[in-house]
Amino acid sequence: MFEYISKSEHDTEQLGFKLAGNLKAGDVLAFFGDLGAGKTAFTRGLARGLGITDTVSSPTFSIVHEYSGRLPLFHFDMYRVNSWDGLYSTGFFDYLEMGGIIAIEWSENIENVLPDGHIRVEINRTGSGDDNERRITIIGDDRIYENLGD
């Protein structure tokens, strides 16, 4: 487990950027956190770390955005997914076989179908009184922690 206190959106993006260097094809990142916690900011940094130059935005209305980089990035928003049929219709299970990185916002809604070995990223406000401060907890196998604290 790795914990980090982010003081800004930029800090959150930088952590995503660093984590990208430790990822391999097929990795699934499951984001947990309230609205506005920083899930999309983290994914922007992740995309940059994968060599993606496209503008990254939340796929709230389209469910998934696809980006090309060192590895493809499939960015899901499961906020509106509330049934098995809804999940199946997103093509999520097909994306698991495509050899890219999958980043899932609102993983709470599909937690029971997340693949074994997924990387859990929890982003929460610290309650310090600083609205920009976040506690980011990353849980996964040991290879993903390299260089995160630098």
Protein backbone atom coordinates (compact mmCIF):
# COMPACT_ATOMS: atom_id res chain seq x y z
CA MET A 1 0.00 0.00 0.00
CA PHE A 2 1.17 3.53 -0.82
CA GLU A 3 -0.30 6.71 0.69
CA TYR A 4 0.25 10.20 -0.59
CA ILE A 5 -1.07 13.60 0.44
CA SER A 6 -1.79 15.74 -2.60
CA LYS A 7 -1.91 19.49 -2.02
CA SER A 8 -3.25 20.38 -5.48
CA GLU A 9 -4.74 19.08 -8.70
CA HIS A 10 -1.23 19.31 -10.17
CA ASP A 11 0.13 17.03 -7.40
CA THR A 12 -2.62 14.51 -8.15
CA GLU A 13 -1.79 14.56 -11.86
CA GLN A 14 1.92 14.11 -11.08
CA LEU A 15 1.22 10.99 -9.04
CA GLY A 16 -0.79 9.57 -11.95
CA PHE A 17 2.11 10.41 -14.26
CA LYS A 18 4.58 8.53 -12.03
CA LEU A 19 2.31 5.51 -11.67
CA ALA A 20 1.99 5.23 -15.47
CA GLY A 21 5.67 4.30 -15.69
CA ASN A 22 5.05 1.23 -13.55
CA LEU A 23 2.04 -0.11 -15.47
CA LYS A 24 1.91 -2.96 -17.93
CA ALA A 25 -0.58 -4.04 -20.57
CA GLY A 26 -3.79 -5.34 -19.02
CA ASP A 27 -3.59 -3.37 -15.76
CA VAL A 28 -6.91 -2.20 -14.38
CA LEU A 29 -7.10 0.85 -12.10
CA ALA A 30 -10.26 1.08 -10.03
CA PHE A 31 -10.88 4.59 -8.69
CA PHE A 32 -12.90 5.18 -5.53
CA GLY A 33 -13.82 8.65 -4.30
CA ASP A 34 -16.53 11.26 -4.06
CA LEU A 35 -17.59 13.62 -6.81
CA GLY A 36 -14.79 16.11 -7.42
CA ALA A 37 -12.21 14.07 -5.51
CA GLY A 38 -9.68 14.06 -8.35
CA LYS A 39 -10.26 10.83 -10.27
CA THR A 40 -10.14 12.56 -13.65
CA ALA A 41 -7.11 14.64 -12.64
CA PHE A 42 -5.27 11.45 -11.70
CA THR A 43 -6.26 9.93 -15.05
CA ARG A 44 -4.97 13.02 -16.92
CA GLY A 45 -1.55 12.46 -15.32
CA LEU A 46 -1.76 8.75 -16.07
CA ALA A 47 -2.46 9.52 -19.72
CA ARG A 48 0.45 11.96 -19.91
CA GLY A 49 2.71 9.28 -18.40
CA LEU A 50 1.58 6.89 -21.13
CA GLY A 51 2.60 9.41 -23.79
CA ILE A 52 -0.95 10.51 -24.60
CA THR A 53 -1.19 14.10 -25.81
CA ASP A 54 -4.98 14.23 -26.30
CA THR A 55 -7.10 16.24 -23.88
CA VAL A 56 -8.42 13.86 -21.21
CA SER A 57 -11.88 14.49 -19.81
CA SER A 58 -14.38 12.53 -17.79
CA PRO A 59 -16.33 10.09 -19.95
CA THR A 60 -19.51 10.71 -17.93
CA PHE A 61 -21.90 10.79 -20.87
CA SER A 62 -20.08 8.51 -23.30
CA ILE A 63 -19.15 5.88 -20.64
CA VAL A 64 -15.69 5.25 -22.17
CA HIS A 65 -12.99 7.31 -23.87
CA GLU A 66 -10.15 5.62 -25.75
CA TYR A 67 -6.67 7.13 -26.03
CA SER A 68 -3.55 5.96 -27.88
CA GLY A 69 -0.12 6.10 -26.27
CA ARG A 70 2.72 3.78 -25.20
CA LEU A 71 -0.18 1.57 -24.15
CA PRO A 72 -3.81 2.28 -25.04
CA LEU A 73 -5.84 3.84 -22.24
CA PHE A 74 -9.53 3.02 -21.83
CA HIS A 75 -11.09 5.52 -19.43
CA PHE A 76 -14.48 4.42 -18.06
CA ASP A 77 -17.04 6.29 -15.99
CA MET A 78 -19.39 3.83 -14.29
CA TYR A 79 -21.46 6.47 -12.47
CA ARG A 80 -24.59 5.71 -14.50
CA VAL A 81 -24.07 1.94 -14.64
CA ASN A 82 -26.41 0.32 -12.16
CA SER A 83 -27.20 -3.12 -13.58
CA TRP A 84 -25.53 -6.15 -15.13
CA ASP A 85 -27.13 -5.32 -18.49
CA GLY A 86 -25.87 -1.74 -18.23
CA LEU A 87 -22.33 -2.92 -17.55
CA TYR A 88 -22.43 -5.50 -20.33
CA SER A 89 -23.63 -2.88 -22.84
CA THR A 90 -20.53 -0.72 -22.18
CA GLY A 91 -18.28 -3.36 -23.72
CA PHE A 92 -16.28 -3.43 -20.47
CA PHE A 93 -15.57 -7.17 -20.63
CA ASP A 94 -14.27 -6.85 -24.20
CA TYR A 95 -11.90 -4.06 -23.13
CA LEU A 96 -10.40 -6.35 -20.49
CA GLU A 97 -9.02 -8.47 -23.35
CA MET A 98 -7.58 -5.60 -25.42
CA GLY A 99 -4.19 -5.31 -23.70
CA GLY A 100 -4.41 -1.68 -22.65
CA ILE A 101 -4.69 0.14 -19.36
CA ILE A 102 -8.22 0.44 -18.01
CA ALA A 103 -9.00 3.34 -15.66
CA ILE A 104 -12.45 3.13 -14.05
CA GLU A 105 -14.11 6.06 -12.30
CA TRP A 106 -16.96 5.16 -9.92
CA SER A 107 -15.67 1.61 -9.45
CA GLU A 108 -18.00 1.35 -6.46
CA ASN A 109 -20.76 0.59 -8.95
CA ILE A 110 -19.02 -2.48 -10.40
CA GLU A 111 -16.81 -3.57 -7.50
CA ASN A 112 -18.13 -7.13 -7.55
CA VAL A 113 -16.85 -7.69 -11.14
CA LEU A 114 -13.44 -6.02 -10.92
CA PRO A 115 -10.76 -8.47 -12.07
CA ASP A 116 -8.40 -10.08 -9.60
CA GLY A 117 -5.16 -8.13 -9.35
CA HIS A 118 -6.71 -4.75 -10.12
CA ILE A 119 -5.05 -1.65 -8.69
CA ARG A 120 -7.24 0.19 -6.21
CA VAL A 121 -6.88 3.99 -6.09
CA GLU A 122 -8.79 5.73 -3.30
CA ILE A 123 -8.93 9.53 -3.41
CA ASN A 124 -10.48 11.31 -0.44
CA ARG A 125 -10.51 14.81 0.99
CA THR A 126 -8.37 14.89 4.12
CA GLY A 127 -10.70 17.03 6.22
CA SER A 128 -7.81 19.37 7.01
CA GLY A 129 -9.78 22.46 6.03
CA ASP A 130 -7.80 22.77 2.79
CA ASP A 131 -10.33 21.91 0.07
CA ASN A 132 -7.50 21.04 -2.34
CA GLU A 133 -5.81 18.49 -0.08
CA ARG A 134 -6.41 14.81 -0.84
CA ARG A 135 -5.25 11.52 0.65
CA ILE A 136 -4.51 9.14 -2.21
CA THR A 137 -4.12 5.48 -1.32
CA ILE A 138 -2.90 3.02 -3.94
CA ILE A 139 -3.21 -0.70 -3.32
CA GLY A 140 -1.77 -3.29 -5.70
CA ASP A 141 1.20 -5.56 -6.20
CA ASP A 142 4.67 -4.30 -5.25
CA ARG A 143 5.84 -3.39 -8.77
CA ILE A 144 3.46 -0.43 -8.95
CA TYR A 145 5.03 1.45 -6.02
CA GLU A 146 8.45 2.01 -7.62
CA ASN A 147 9.40 5.69 -7.82
CA LEU A 148 6.04 6.93 -6.48
CA GLY A 149 7.60 8.55 -3.44
CA ASP A 150 10.28 10.42 -5.40
